[in-house]
Every structure is written in C-alpha cells, then in structure tokens.
PDB file of N, CA and C in Angstrom:
ATOM      1  N   UNK A   1      18.922 -35.709-127.118  1.00  0.00           N
ATOM      2  CA  UNK A   1      17.289 -34.763-126.480  1.00  0.00           C
ATOM      3  C   UNK A   1      17.660 -34.813-125.374  1.00  0.00           C
ATOM      4  N   UNK A   2      17.288 -33.676-125.120  1.00  0.00           N
ATOM      5  CA  UNK A   2      17.887 -33.418-123.272  1.00  0.00           C
ATOM      6  C   UNK A   2      16.523 -33.633-122.564  1.00  0.00           C
ATOM      7  N   UNK A   3      16.492 -34.263-121.094  1.00  0.00           N
ATOM      8  CA  UNK A   3      15.851 -34.603-120.338  1.00  0.00           C
ATOM      9  C   UNK A   3      14.947 -33.544-119.532  1.00  0.00           C
ATOM     10  N   UNK A   4      13.739 -33.804-119.235  1.00  0.00           N
ATOM     11  CA  UNK A   4      12.968 -32.643-118.812  1.00  0.00           C
ATOM     12  C   UNK A   4      13.756 -32.077-117.683  1.00  0.00           C
ATOM     13  N   UNK A   5      13.482 -31.028-117.510  1.00  0.00           N
ATOM     14  CA  UNK A   5      14.032 -30.701-116.360  1.00  0.00           C
ATOM     15  C   UNK A   5      13.005 -30.533-114.837  1.00  0.00           C
ATOM     16  N   UNK A   6      13.026 -30.909-113.772  1.00  0.00           N
ATOM     17  CA  UNK A   6      11.874 -31.300-112.929  1.00  0.00           C
ATOM     18  C   UNK A   6      12.304 -29.796-111.677  1.00  0.00           C
ATOM     19  N   UNK A   7      13.102 -29.266-111.594  1.00  0.00           N
ATOM     20  CA  UNK A   7      13.270 -28.246-110.722  1.00  0.00           C
ATOM     21  C   UNK A   7      14.597 -27.830-110.650  1.00  0.00           C
ATOM     22  N   UNK A   8      15.133 -26.321-110.606  1.00  0.00           N
ATOM     23  CA  UNK A   8      16.134 -25.903-110.585  1.00  0.00           C
ATOM     24  C   UNK A   8      16.464 -24.746-109.677  1.00  0.00           C
ATOM     25  N   UNK A   9      17.340 -24.605-108.757  1.00  0.00           N
ATOM     26  CA  UNK A   9      17.371 -23.338-108.007  1.00  0.00           C
ATOM     27  C   UNK A   9      17.598 -21.981-108.985  1.00  0.00           C
ATOM     28  N   UNK A  10      18.115 -22.468-110.082  1.00  0.00           N
ATOM     29  CA  UNK A  10      18.501 -20.819-110.712  1.00  0.00           C
ATOM     30  C   UNK A  10      17.203 -20.815-111.731  1.00  0.00           C
ATOM     31  N   UNK A  11      16.293 -21.667-111.583  1.00  0.00           N
ATOM     32  CA  UNK A  11      14.959 -21.183-112.218  1.00  0.00           C
ATOM     33  C   UNK A  11      13.705 -20.800-111.703  1.00  0.00           C
ATOM     34  N   UNK A  12      13.377 -19.701-111.194  1.00  0.00           N
ATOM     35  CA  UNK A  12      11.903 -19.794-110.476  1.00  0.00           C
ATOM     36  C   UNK A  12      10.697 -20.034-111.053  1.00  0.00           C
ATOM     37  N   UNK A  13      10.686 -20.265-112.479  1.00  0.00           N
ATOM     38  CA  UNK A  13       9.481 -20.586-113.191  1.00  0.00           C
ATOM     39  C   UNK A  13       9.307 -21.767-112.976  1.00  0.00           C
ATOM     40  N   UNK A  14       9.780 -22.717-112.739  1.00  0.00           N
ATOM     41  CA  UNK A  14       9.597 -23.970-112.712  1.00  0.00           C
ATOM     42  C   UNK A  14       9.307 -24.416-111.632  1.00  0.00           C
ATOM     43  N   UNK A  15       8.616 -25.241-111.342  1.00  0.00           N
ATOM     44  CA  UNK A  15       8.434 -26.092-109.698  1.00  0.00           C
ATOM     45  C   UNK A  15       9.589 -26.718-109.222  1.00  0.00           C
ATOM     46  N   UNK A  16       9.557 -26.436-108.028  1.00  0.00           N
ATOM     47  CA  UNK A  16      10.887 -27.006-107.146  1.00  0.00           C
ATOM     48  C   UNK A  16      10.603 -28.031-106.362  1.00  0.00           C
ATOM     49  N   UNK A  17      11.673 -29.162-106.325  1.00  0.00           N
ATOM     50  CA  UNK A  17      10.922 -30.533-105.756  1.00  0.00           C
ATOM     51  C   UNK A  17      11.517 -29.834-104.089  1.00  0.00           C
ATOM     52  N   UNK A  18      11.607 -30.886-103.153  1.00  0.00           N
ATOM     53  CA  UNK A  18      11.728 -30.688-101.669  1.00  0.00           C
ATOM     54  C   UNK A  18      13.240 -30.856-101.601  1.00  0.00           C
ATOM     55  N   UNK A  19      13.698 -29.565-101.552  1.00  0.00           N
ATOM     56  CA  UNK A  19      15.764 -29.442-101.492  1.00  0.00           C
ATOM     57  C   UNK A  19      15.094 -28.309-100.851  1.00  0.00           C
ATOM     58  N   UNK A  20      17.046 -28.417 -99.922  1.00  0.00           N
ATOM     59  CA  UNK A  20      16.694 -27.072 -99.182  1.00  0.00           C
ATOM     60  C   UNK A  20      18.314 -27.053 -99.307  1.00  0.00           C
ATOM     61  N   UNK A  21      18.794 -25.544 -99.675  1.00  0.00           N
ATOM     62  CA  UNK A  21      19.983 -25.065 -99.730  1.00  0.00           C
ATOM     63  C   UNK A  21      20.586 -24.155 -98.885  1.00  0.00           C
ATOM     64  N   UNK A  22      22.037 -24.337 -98.338  1.00  0.00           N
ATOM     65  CA  UNK A  22      22.634 -23.495 -97.418  1.00  0.00           C
ATOM     66  C   UNK A  22      23.458 -22.561 -98.466  1.00  0.00           C
ATOM     67  N   UNK A  23      23.160 -21.095 -98.639  1.00  0.00           N
ATOM     68  CA  UNK A  23      24.619 -20.734 -99.333  1.00  0.00           C
ATOM     69  C   UNK A  23      25.178 -19.982 -99.004  1.00  0.00           C
ATOM     70  N   UNK A  24      26.591 -19.963 -98.563  1.00  0.00           N
ATOM     71  CA  UNK A  24      27.482 -19.181 -98.750  1.00  0.00           C
ATOM     72  C   UNK A  24      28.530 -18.483 -99.838  1.00  0.00           C
ATOM     73  N   UNK A  25      28.958 -17.400 -98.797  1.00  0.00           N
ATOM     74  CA  UNK A  25      29.041 -16.276-100.044  1.00  0.00           C
ATOM     75  C   UNK A  25      30.690 -16.513-100.864  1.00  0.00           C
ATOM     76  N   UNK A  26      31.710 -17.023 -99.911  1.00  0.00           N
ATOM     77  CA  UNK A  26      32.454 -17.705-100.545  1.00  0.00           C
ATOM     78  C   UNK A  26      32.390 -18.434-102.217  1.00  0.00           C
ATOM     79  N   UNK A  27      31.345 -19.223-102.062  1.00  0.00           N
ATOM     80  CA  UNK A  27      31.356 -20.129-103.337  1.00  0.00           C
ATOM     81  C   UNK A  27      30.406 -19.762-104.860  1.00  0.00           C
ATOM     82  N   UNK A  28      30.701 -19.635-105.866  1.00  0.00           N
ATOM     83  CA  UNK A  28      30.564 -19.159-106.754  1.00  0.00           C
ATOM     84  C   UNK A  28      29.164 -20.212-107.216  1.00  0.00           C
ATOM     85  N   UNK A  29      29.106 -21.312-107.141  1.00  0.00           N
ATOM     86  CA  UNK A  29      27.974 -21.892-107.629  1.00  0.00           C
ATOM     87  C   UNK A  29      27.234 -22.528-106.581  1.00  0.00           C
ATOM     88  N   UNK A  30      26.404 -21.821-105.563  1.00  0.00           N
ATOM     89  CA  UNK A  30      25.981 -22.954-104.242  1.00  0.00           C
ATOM     90  C   UNK A  30      25.262 -23.821-104.775  1.00  0.00           C
ATOM     91  N   UNK A  31      24.387 -23.629-106.131  1.00  0.00           N
ATOM     92  CA  UNK A  31      22.979 -23.911-105.955  1.00  0.00           C
ATOM     93  C   UNK A  31      23.085 -25.944-107.093  1.00  0.00           C
ATOM     94  N   UNK A  32      22.011 -26.206-106.726  1.00  0.00           N
ATOM     95  CA  UNK A  32      21.848 -27.651-107.215  1.00  0.00           C
ATOM     96  C   UNK A  32      21.107 -27.623-108.716  1.00  0.00           C
ATOM     97  N   UNK A  33      21.237 -28.887-109.223  1.00  0.00           N
ATOM     98  CA  UNK A  33      20.120 -29.038-110.426  1.00  0.00           C
ATOM     99  C   UNK A  33      19.693 -30.413-110.126  1.00  0.00           C
ATOM    100  N   UNK A  34      18.353 -30.573-110.297  1.00  0.00           N
ATOM    101  CA  UNK A  34      17.774 -31.820-109.900  1.00  0.00           C
ATOM    102  C   UNK A  34      16.775 -31.977-111.176  1.00  0.00           C
ATOM    103  N   UNK A  35      17.140 -33.260-111.637  1.00  0.00           N
ATOM    104  CA  UNK A  35      16.919 -33.678-113.012  1.00  0.00           C
ATOM    105  C   UNK A  35      16.237 -35.544-112.585  1.00  0.00           C
ATOM    106  N   UNK A  36      15.006 -35.915-113.825  1.00  0.00           N
ATOM    107  CA  UNK A  36      13.986 -37.152-113.950  1.00  0.00           C
ATOM    108  C   UNK A  36      14.715 -37.286-115.258  1.00  0.00           C
ATOM    109  N   UNK A  37      15.543 -38.632-115.061  1.00  0.00           N
ATOM    110  CA  UNK A  37      15.698 -39.365-116.428  1.00  0.00           C
ATOM    111  C   UNK A  37      14.821 -40.575-116.331  1.00  0.00           C
ATOM    112  N   UNK A  38      13.420 -40.488-116.818  1.00  0.00           N
ATOM    113  CA  UNK A  38      12.808 -41.947-116.403  1.00  0.00           C
ATOM    114  C   UNK A  38      12.754 -42.409-115.092  1.00  0.00           C
ATOM    115  N   UNK A  39      13.752 -42.894-115.192  1.00  0.00           N
ATOM    116  CA  UNK A  39      13.581 -44.253-113.785  1.00  0.00           C
ATOM    117  C   UNK A  39      14.993 -43.844-112.939  1.00  0.00           C
ATOM    118  N   UNK A  40      15.558 -42.794-113.514  1.00  0.00           N
ATOM    119  CA  UNK A  40      16.229 -41.899-112.385  1.00  0.00           C
ATOM    120  C   UNK A  40      16.470 -40.356-111.736  1.00  0.00           C
ATOM    121  N   UNK A  41      16.632 -40.723-110.762  1.00  0.00           N
ATOM    122  CA  UNK A  41      16.388 -39.301-110.340  1.00  0.00           C
ATOM    123  C   UNK A  41      18.015 -38.473-110.323  1.00  0.00           C
ATOM    124  N   UNK A  42      18.165 -37.595-110.511  1.00  0.00           N
ATOM    125  CA  UNK A  42      19.431 -37.090-110.142  1.00  0.00           C
ATOM    126  C   UNK A  42      19.808 -35.746-109.759  1.00  0.00           C
ATOM    127  N   UNK A  43      20.687 -35.579-108.802  1.00  0.00           N
ATOM    128  CA  UNK A  43      21.270 -33.547-108.607  1.00  0.00           C
ATOM    129  C   UNK A  43      22.432 -33.737-108.862  1.00  0.00           C
ATOM    130  N   UNK A  44      22.661 -32.361-109.216  1.00  0.00           N
ATOM    131  CA  UNK A  44      24.364 -32.635-109.617  1.00  0.00           C
ATOM    132  C   UNK A  44      24.243 -30.691-109.017  1.00  0.00           C
ATOM    133  N   UNK A  45      25.958 -30.765-108.590  1.00  0.00           N
ATOM    134  CA  UNK A  45      26.272 -29.778-107.432  1.00  0.00           C
ATOM    135  C   UNK A  45      27.556 -29.464-108.214  1.00  0.00           C
ATOM    136  N   UNK A  46      27.966 -27.882-108.029  1.00  0.00           N
ATOM    137  CA  UNK A  46      29.467 -27.757-108.780  1.00  0.00           C
ATOM    138  C   UNK A  46      30.156 -27.936-107.556  1.00  0.00           C
ATOM    139  N   UNK A  47      30.740 -28.982-107.102  1.00  0.00           N
ATOM    140  CA  UNK A  47      31.949 -28.502-106.414  1.00  0.00           C
ATOM    141  C   UNK A  47      33.519 -28.154-106.699  1.00  0.00           C
ATOM    142  N   UNK A  48      33.724 -27.768-107.682  1.00  0.00           N
ATOM    143  CA  UNK A  48      34.433 -27.468-108.325  1.00  0.00           C
ATOM    144  C   UNK A  48      35.816 -26.754-107.449  1.00  0.00           C
ATOM    145  N   UNK A  49      35.264 -25.734-107.099  1.00  0.00           N
ATOM    146  CA  UNK A  49      36.748 -24.692-106.070  1.00  0.00           C
ATOM    147  C   UNK A  49      37.199 -25.743-104.977  1.00  0.00           C
ATOM    148  N   UNK A  50      36.939 -27.192-105.016  1.00  0.00           N
ATOM    149  CA  UNK A  50      37.539 -28.321-103.580  1.00  0.00           C
ATOM    150  C   UNK A  50      37.938 -29.563-104.138  1.00  0.00           C
ATOM    151  N   UNK A  51      39.169 -29.844-103.702  1.00  0.00           N
ATOM    152  CA  UNK A  51      39.617 -31.195-104.056  1.00  0.00           C
ATOM    153  C   UNK A  51      38.445 -32.070-103.951  1.00  0.00           C
ATOM    154  N   UNK A  52      38.498 -33.156-104.499  1.00  0.00           N
ATOM    155  CA  UNK A  52      37.920 -34.268-103.935  1.00  0.00           C
ATOM    156  C   UNK A  52      37.577 -34.829-102.937  1.00  0.00           C
ATOM    157  N   UNK A  53      38.703 -35.211-101.787  1.00  0.00           N
ATOM    158  CA  UNK A  53      39.012 -35.242-100.792  1.00  0.00           C
ATOM    159  C   UNK A  53      38.326 -34.337 -99.657  1.00  0.00           C
ATOM    160  N   UNK A  54      37.992 -33.137-100.180  1.00  0.00           N
ATOM    161  CA  UNK A  54      37.793 -32.484 -99.237  1.00  0.00           C
ATOM    162  C   UNK A  54      35.729 -32.690 -99.080  1.00  0.00           C
ATOM    163  N   UNK A  55      35.195 -32.645-100.179  1.00  0.00           N
ATOM    164  CA  UNK A  55      33.924 -33.380-100.678  1.00  0.00           C
ATOM    165  C   UNK A  55      32.920 -34.279 -99.698  1.00  0.00           C
ATOM    166  N   UNK A  56      32.593 -34.083 -98.572  1.00  0.00           N
ATOM    167  CA  UNK A  56      31.790 -35.046 -97.853  1.00  0.00           C
ATOM    168  C   UNK A  56      30.432 -35.235 -98.043  1.00  0.00           C
ATOM    169  N   UNK A  57      29.913 -36.374 -98.485  1.00  0.00           N
ATOM    170  CA  UNK A  57      28.777 -36.706 -98.635  1.00  0.00           C
ATOM    171  C   UNK A  57      27.946 -37.599 -97.796  1.00  0.00           C
ATOM    172  N   UNK A  58      27.184 -37.502 -97.578  1.00  0.00           N
ATOM    173  CA  UNK A  58      26.422 -38.228 -95.883  1.00  0.00           C
ATOM    174  C   UNK A  58      25.353 -38.442 -96.289  1.00  0.00           C
ATOM    175  N   UNK A  59      24.590 -39.510 -95.996  1.00  0.00           N
ATOM    176  CA  UNK A  59      22.889 -39.802 -96.478  1.00  0.00           C
ATOM    177  C   UNK A  59      22.244 -40.281 -94.912  1.00  0.00           C
ATOM    178  N   UNK A  60      20.725 -40.090 -94.888  1.00  0.00           N
ATOM    179  CA  UNK A  60      20.000 -40.365 -93.472  1.00  0.00           C
ATOM    180  C   UNK A  60      18.647 -40.605 -94.149  1.00  0.00           C
ATOM    181  N   UNK A  61      18.387 -41.655 -94.165  1.00  0.00           N
ATOM    182  CA  UNK A  61      16.983 -41.741 -94.561  1.00  0.00           C
ATOM    183  C   UNK A  61      16.727 -41.132 -95.712  1.00  0.00           C
ATOM    184  N   UNK A  62      16.160 -40.231 -96.161  1.00  0.00           N
ATOM    185  CA  UNK A  62      16.068 -39.790 -97.419  1.00  0.00           C
ATOM    186  C   UNK A  62      16.549 -38.451 -97.765  1.00  0.00           C
ATOM    187  N   UNK A  63      17.541 -37.952 -96.913  1.00  0.00           N
ATOM    188  CA  UNK A  63      18.158 -36.854 -97.128  1.00  0.00           C
ATOM    189  C   UNK A  63      19.716 -36.935 -97.132  1.00  0.00           C
ATOM    190  N   UNK A  64      20.493 -35.825 -98.702  1.00  0.00           N
ATOM    191  CA  UNK A  64      21.808 -36.302 -98.699  1.00  0.00           C
ATOM    192  C   UNK A  64      22.075 -35.175 -98.629  1.00  0.00           C
ATOM    193  N   UNK A  65      23.528 -34.889 -98.136  1.00  0.00           N
ATOM    194  CA  UNK A  65      24.168 -33.705 -97.880  1.00  0.00           C
ATOM    195  C   UNK A  65      25.558 -33.936 -98.301  1.00  0.00           C
ATOM    196  N   UNK A  66      25.728 -32.514 -99.104  1.00  0.00           N
ATOM    197  CA  UNK A  66      26.945 -32.303 -99.252  1.00  0.00           C
ATOM    198  C   UNK A  66      27.623 -31.487 -98.774  1.00  0.00           C
ATOM    199  N   UNK A  67      28.654 -31.736 -98.499  1.00  0.00           N
ATOM    200  CA  UNK A  67      29.614 -30.395 -97.840  1.00  0.00           C
ATOM    201  C   UNK A  67      30.869 -30.532 -98.076  1.00  0.00           C
ATOM    202  N   UNK A  68      31.469 -29.110 -98.245  1.00  0.00           N
ATOM    203  CA  UNK A  68      33.380 -29.311 -98.271  1.00  0.00           C
ATOM    204  C   UNK A  68      33.425 -27.368 -97.684  1.00  0.00           C
ATOM    205  N   UNK A  69      34.415 -28.078 -97.600  1.00  0.00           N
ATOM    206  CA  UNK A  69      35.715 -27.081 -96.249  1.00  0.00           C
ATOM    207  C   UNK A  69      36.742 -26.567 -97.018  1.00  0.00           C
ATOM    208  N   UNK A  70      37.028 -25.186 -97.499  1.00  0.00           N
ATOM    209  CA  UNK A  70      38.918 -25.274 -97.853  1.00  0.00           C
ATOM    210  C   UNK A  70      39.328 -24.349 -96.725  1.00  0.00           C
ATOM    211  N   UNK A  71      40.809 -24.623 -96.268  1.00  0.00           N
ATOM    212  CA  UNK A  71      41.437 -24.600 -95.463  1.00  0.00           C
ATOM    213  C   UNK A  71      42.269 -23.668 -96.089  1.00  0.00           C
ATOM    214  N   UNK A  72      42.913 -22.054 -95.755  1.00  0.00           N
ATOM    215  CA  UNK A  72      44.334 -21.531 -96.100  1.00  0.00           C
ATOM    216  C   UNK A  72      45.377 -22.276 -95.327  1.00  0.00           C
ATOM    217  N   UNK A  73      46.463 -21.630 -96.299  1.00  0.00           N
ATOM    218  CA  UNK A  73      47.783 -22.061 -95.480  1.00  0.00           C
ATOM    219  C   UNK A  73      47.816 -21.725 -93.838  1.00  0.00           C
ATOM    220  N   UNK A  74      47.247 -21.052 -93.146  1.00  0.00           N
ATOM    221  CA  UNK A  74      47.274 -20.210 -91.841  1.00  0.00           C
ATOM    222  C   UNK A  74      45.792 -21.247 -91.269  1.00  0.00           C
ATOM    223  N   UNK A  75      45.182 -21.891 -91.807  1.00  0.00           N
ATOM    224  CA  UNK A  75      44.351 -23.375 -91.468  1.00  0.00           C
ATOM    225  C   UNK A  75      43.139 -22.899 -91.258  1.00  0.00           C
ATOM    226  N   UNK A  76      42.981 -21.421 -91.365  1.00  0.00           N
ATOM    227  CA  UNK A  76      41.525 -21.123 -91.565  1.00  0.00           C
ATOM    228  C   UNK A  76      40.456 -21.131 -92.478  1.00  0.00           C
ATOM    229  N   UNK A  77      39.440 -21.292 -92.313  1.00  0.00           N
ATOM    230  CA  UNK A  77      38.807 -21.778 -93.360  1.00  0.00           C
ATOM    231  C   UNK A  77      38.106 -20.572 -93.970  1.00  0.00           C
ATOM    232  N   UNK A  78      38.583 -20.365 -95.485  1.00  0.00           N
ATOM    233  CA  UNK A  78      38.430 -19.881 -96.769  1.00  0.00           C
ATOM    234  C   UNK A  78      37.213 -19.819 -97.007  1.00  0.00           C
ATOM    235  N   UNK A  79      36.182 -21.078 -97.365  1.00  0.00           N
ATOM    236  CA  UNK A  79      35.554 -21.186 -98.698  1.00  0.00           C
ATOM    237  C   UNK A  79      34.762 -22.587 -97.744  1.00  0.00           C
ATOM    238  N   UNK A  80      33.189 -22.398 -97.871  1.00  0.00           N
ATOM    239  CA  UNK A  80      32.393 -23.375 -97.590  1.00  0.00           C
ATOM    240  C   UNK A  80      31.045 -23.760 -98.242  1.00  0.00           C
ATOM    241  N   UNK A  81      30.945 -24.876 -98.424  1.00  0.00           N
ATOM    242  CA  UNK A  81      29.408 -25.115 -99.473  1.00  0.00           C
ATOM    243  C   UNK A  81      29.045 -26.276 -98.620  1.00  0.00           C
ATOM    244  N   UNK A  82      28.118 -26.101 -98.488  1.00  0.00           N
ATOM    245  CA  UNK A  82      26.767 -26.845 -97.863  1.00  0.00           C
ATOM    246  C   UNK A  82      25.660 -26.840 -99.052  1.00  0.00           C
ATOM    247  N   UNK A  83      25.034 -28.259 -98.883  1.00  0.00           N
ATOM    248  CA  UNK A  83      23.609 -28.654 -99.996  1.00  0.00           C
ATOM    249  C   UNK A  83      22.988 -29.987 -99.562  1.00  0.00           C
ATOM    250  N   UNK A  84      21.731 -29.358 -99.678  1.00  0.00           N
ATOM    251  CA  UNK A  84      20.676 -30.480 -98.690  1.00  0.00           C
ATOM    252  C   UNK A  84      19.948 -31.136 -99.848  1.00  0.00           C
ATOM    253  N   UNK A  85      19.730 -32.353 -99.873  1.00  0.00           N
ATOM    254  CA  UNK A  85      18.515 -32.486-101.291  1.00  0.00           C
ATOM    255  C   UNK A  85      17.692 -33.886-100.073  1.00  0.00           C
ATOM    256  N   UNK A  86      16.593 -33.451-100.383  1.00  0.00           N
ATOM    257  CA  UNK A  86      15.628 -34.616-100.198  1.00  0.00           C
ATOM    258  C   UNK A  86      14.814 -35.546-101.048  1.00  0.00           C
ATOM    259  N   UNK A  87      15.494 -36.798-101.038  1.00  0.00           N
ATOM    260  CA  UNK A  87      14.672 -37.293-102.137  1.00  0.00           C
ATOM    261  C   UNK A  87      13.564 -37.575-102.229  1.00  0.00           C
ATOM    262  N   UNK A  88      12.843 -37.653-103.060  1.00  0.00           N
ATOM    263  CA  UNK A  88      11.076 -37.827-103.400  1.00  0.00           C
ATOM    264  C   UNK A  88      11.201 -39.519-102.793  1.00  0.00           C
ATOM    265  N   UNK A  89       9.488 -39.351-102.178  1.00  0.00           N
ATOM    266  CA  UNK A  89       9.171 -40.405-101.571  1.00  0.00           C
ATOM    267  C   UNK A  89       9.253 -41.651-102.843  1.00  0.00           C
ATOM    268  N   UNK A  90       9.345 -41.524-103.887  1.00  0.00           N
ATOM    269  CA  UNK A  90       9.089 -42.918-105.055  1.00  0.00           C
ATOM    270  C   UNK A  90      10.815 -43.022-105.169  1.00  0.00           C
ATOM    271  N   UNK A  91      11.814 -42.778-104.817  1.00  0.00           N
ATOM    272  CA  UNK A  91      12.914 -43.202-105.025  1.00  0.00           C
ATOM    273  C   UNK A  91      13.636 -44.031-103.777  1.00  0.00           C
ATOM    274  N   UNK A  92      14.580 -45.147-104.379  1.00  0.00           N
ATOM    275  CA  UNK A  92      14.950 -46.066-103.302  1.00  0.00           C
ATOM    276  C   UNK A  92      16.256 -45.544-102.569  1.00  0.00           C
ATOM    277  N   UNK A  93      16.347 -44.981-101.434  1.00  0.00           N
ATOM    278  CA  UNK A  93      17.485 -44.769-101.021  1.00  0.00           C
ATOM    279  C   UNK A  93      18.539 -45.660-101.171  1.00  0.00           C
ATOM    280  N   UNK A  94      18.309 -46.911-101.130  1.00  0.00           N
ATOM    281  CA  UNK A  94      19.343 -47.914-100.848  1.00  0.00           C
ATOM    282  C   UNK A  94      20.514 -47.819-102.535  1.00  0.00           C
ATOM    283  N   UNK A  95      19.515 -46.842-103.366  1.00  0.00           N
ATOM    284  CA  UNK A  95      19.762 -47.286-105.075  1.00  0.00           C
ATOM    285  C   UNK A  95      20.946 -46.263-105.307  1.00  0.00           C
ATOM    286  N   UNK A  96      21.374 -45.287-104.041  1.00  0.00           N
ATOM    287  CA  UNK A  96      21.965 -44.088-104.331  1.00  0.00           C
ATOM    288  C   UNK A  96      23.567 -44.445-104.860  1.00  0.00           C
ATOM    289  N   UNK A  97      23.810 -43.639-105.710  1.00  0.00           N
ATOM    290  CA  UNK A  97      25.541 -43.625-105.731  1.00  0.00           C
ATOM    291  C   UNK A  97      25.885 -42.330-106.298  1.00  0.00           C
ATOM    292  N   UNK A  98      27.572 -41.734-106.608  1.00  0.00           N
ATOM    293  CA  UNK A  98      27.794 -40.370-107.074  1.00  0.00           C
ATOM    294  C   UNK A  98      29.086 -40.708-107.351  1.00  0.00           C
ATOM    295  N   UNK A  99      29.288 -39.642-108.294  1.00  0.00           N
ATOM    296  CA  UNK A  99      30.340 -39.690-109.109  1.00  0.00           C
ATOM    297  C   UNK A  99      30.753 -38.440-109.536  1.00  0.00           C
ATOM    298  N   UNK A 100      32.259 -37.985-109.489  1.00  0.00           N
ATOM    299  CA  UNK A 100      32.631 -36.665-109.301  1.00  0.00           C
ATOM    300  C   UNK A 100      33.546 -36.846-111.168  1.00  0.00           C
ATOM    301  N   UNK A 101      33.001 -35.500-111.908  1.00  0.00           N
ATOM    302  CA  UNK A 101      33.508 -35.549-112.898  1.00  0.00           C
ATOM    303  C   UNK A 101      34.650 -34.741-113.097  1.00  0.00           C
ATOM    304  N   UNK A 102      35.559 -34.637-113.834  1.00  0.00           N
ATOM    305  CA  UNK A 102      37.340 -34.005-113.690  1.00  0.00           C
ATOM    306  C   UNK A 102      36.677 -32.279-113.503  1.00  0.00           C
ATOM    307  N   UNK A 103      35.228 -31.927-113.753  1.00  0.00           N
ATOM    308  CA  UNK A 103      35.863 -30.389-114.179  1.00  0.00           C
ATOM    309  C   UNK A 103      34.889 -30.126-112.672  1.00  0.00           C
ATOM    310  N   UNK A 104      34.506 -31.190-111.546  1.00  0.00           N
ATOM    311  CA  UNK A 104      34.379 -30.916-110.383  1.00  0.00           C
ATOM    312  C   UNK A 104      32.826 -30.306-110.100  1.00  0.00           C
ATOM    313  N   UNK A 105      32.214 -31.557-110.969  1.00  0.00           N
ATOM    314  CA  UNK A 105      30.541 -31.479-111.184  1.00  0.00           C
ATOM    315  C   UNK A 105      30.373 -32.992-110.088  1.00  0.00           C
ATOM    316  N   UNK A 106      29.595 -32.862-108.873  1.00  0.00           N
ATOM    317  CA  UNK A 106      28.939 -33.892-108.501  1.00  0.00           C
ATOM    318  C   UNK A 106      27.486 -34.090-108.944  1.00  0.00           C
ATOM    319  N   UNK A 107      27.737 -35.300-109.018  1.00  0.00           N
ATOM    320  CA  UNK A 107      26.468 -36.042-109.772  1.00  0.00           C
ATOM    321  C   UNK A 107      25.694 -37.133-108.510  1.00  0.00           C
ATOM    322  N   UNK A 108      24.961 -37.242-107.767  1.00  0.00           N
ATOM    323  CA  UNK A 108      23.686 -38.048-107.157  1.00  0.00           C
ATOM    324  C   UNK A 108      22.955 -38.545-107.897  1.00  0.00           C
ATOM    325  N   UNK A 109      22.843 -39.723-108.470  1.00  0.00           N
ATOM    326  CA  UNK A 109      21.960 -40.807-108.964  1.00  0.00           C
ATOM    327  C   UNK A 109      21.306 -41.547-107.928  1.00  0.00           C
ATOM    328  N   UNK A 110      19.932 -41.916-108.116  1.00  0.00           N
ATOM    329  CA  UNK A 110      19.205 -43.069-107.525  1.00  0.00           C
ATOM    330  C   UNK A 110      17.970 -43.649-108.453  1.00  0.00           C
ATOM    331  N   UNK A 111      17.508 -44.347-108.120  1.00  0.00           N
ATOM    332  CA  UNK A 111      16.355 -45.192-108.726  1.00  0.00           C
ATOM    333  C   UNK A 111      15.383 -45.108-108.510  1.00  0.00           C
ATOM    334  N   UNK A 112      14.183 -44.488-109.292  1.00  0.00           N
ATOM    335  CA  UNK A 112      12.799 -44.391-108.858  1.00  0.00           C
ATOM    336  C   UNK A 112      11.979 -45.488-109.080  1.00  0.00           C
ATOM    337  N   UNK A 113      11.554 -45.640-107.948  1.00  0.00           N
ATOM    338  CA  UNK A 113      10.466 -46.886-108.029  1.00  0.00           C
ATOM    339  C   UNK A 113       9.160 -47.028-108.853  1.00  0.00           C
ATOM    340  N   UNK A 114       8.480 -47.565-108.985  1.00  0.00           N
ATOM    341  CA  UNK A 114       7.633 -48.023-110.126  1.00  0.00           C
ATOM    342  C   UNK A 114       6.362 -48.491-109.155  1.00  0.00           C
TER     343      UNK A 114
END
C-alpha cells in the first residue's frame, strides 16, 4: 500500500507544505516530493545528473538545503540544482538523515514528534 502524499510540486491540486524551490533551466527534475509515513517525514529530490560528491546538503534550524553544481571541462558551470525544504514544526531536526539511491534520488528523512 502506498503511503499518503502530503504535497508535491508536481501536483497543484494537493496542499503544499512550506517548501521553497529554486528552479534552474538546466535541470530536468527540479522539484521535490514530500511525504509522511506515520512517524516519518521525508522528501526526495532527483539529483541523478550529479555525482554524489557534488551534492551538498546543509541544515540550519528547520531548513534543509540541497545544492549541486556540474562543471564542464573548461571549468564553467554547466548545470546547477538547488532545493530548499522547511521542516514542519512537529519534526525533530536532530533526527534528520539522508541516503542516496543508485538511481540518483536523494532521500531526506526525519522523525515526527507526537
């Protein structure tokens, strides 16, 4: 059974959680997907166009940011990606963990407080 979807940039008919996204024309999949699975809050972003070592994840308070940049052979920036997600107030920011699948999907998970 698939978990309920809370919000997604790809679906305008569903309510959005407090997310902010920066879209760059060079990236094919600039949007993230936010879901809640019981006590787990998660969002995923497609960063498959970037090697894992070029993906930088930063956190500050309840804000998580994902950045990536691809350089061409001549040193110029050929592709960029940036995604921001503010964790809901019922999520423990100290429980945040990340994983990246072989297909290039980055998943950020955190535990909800009850």
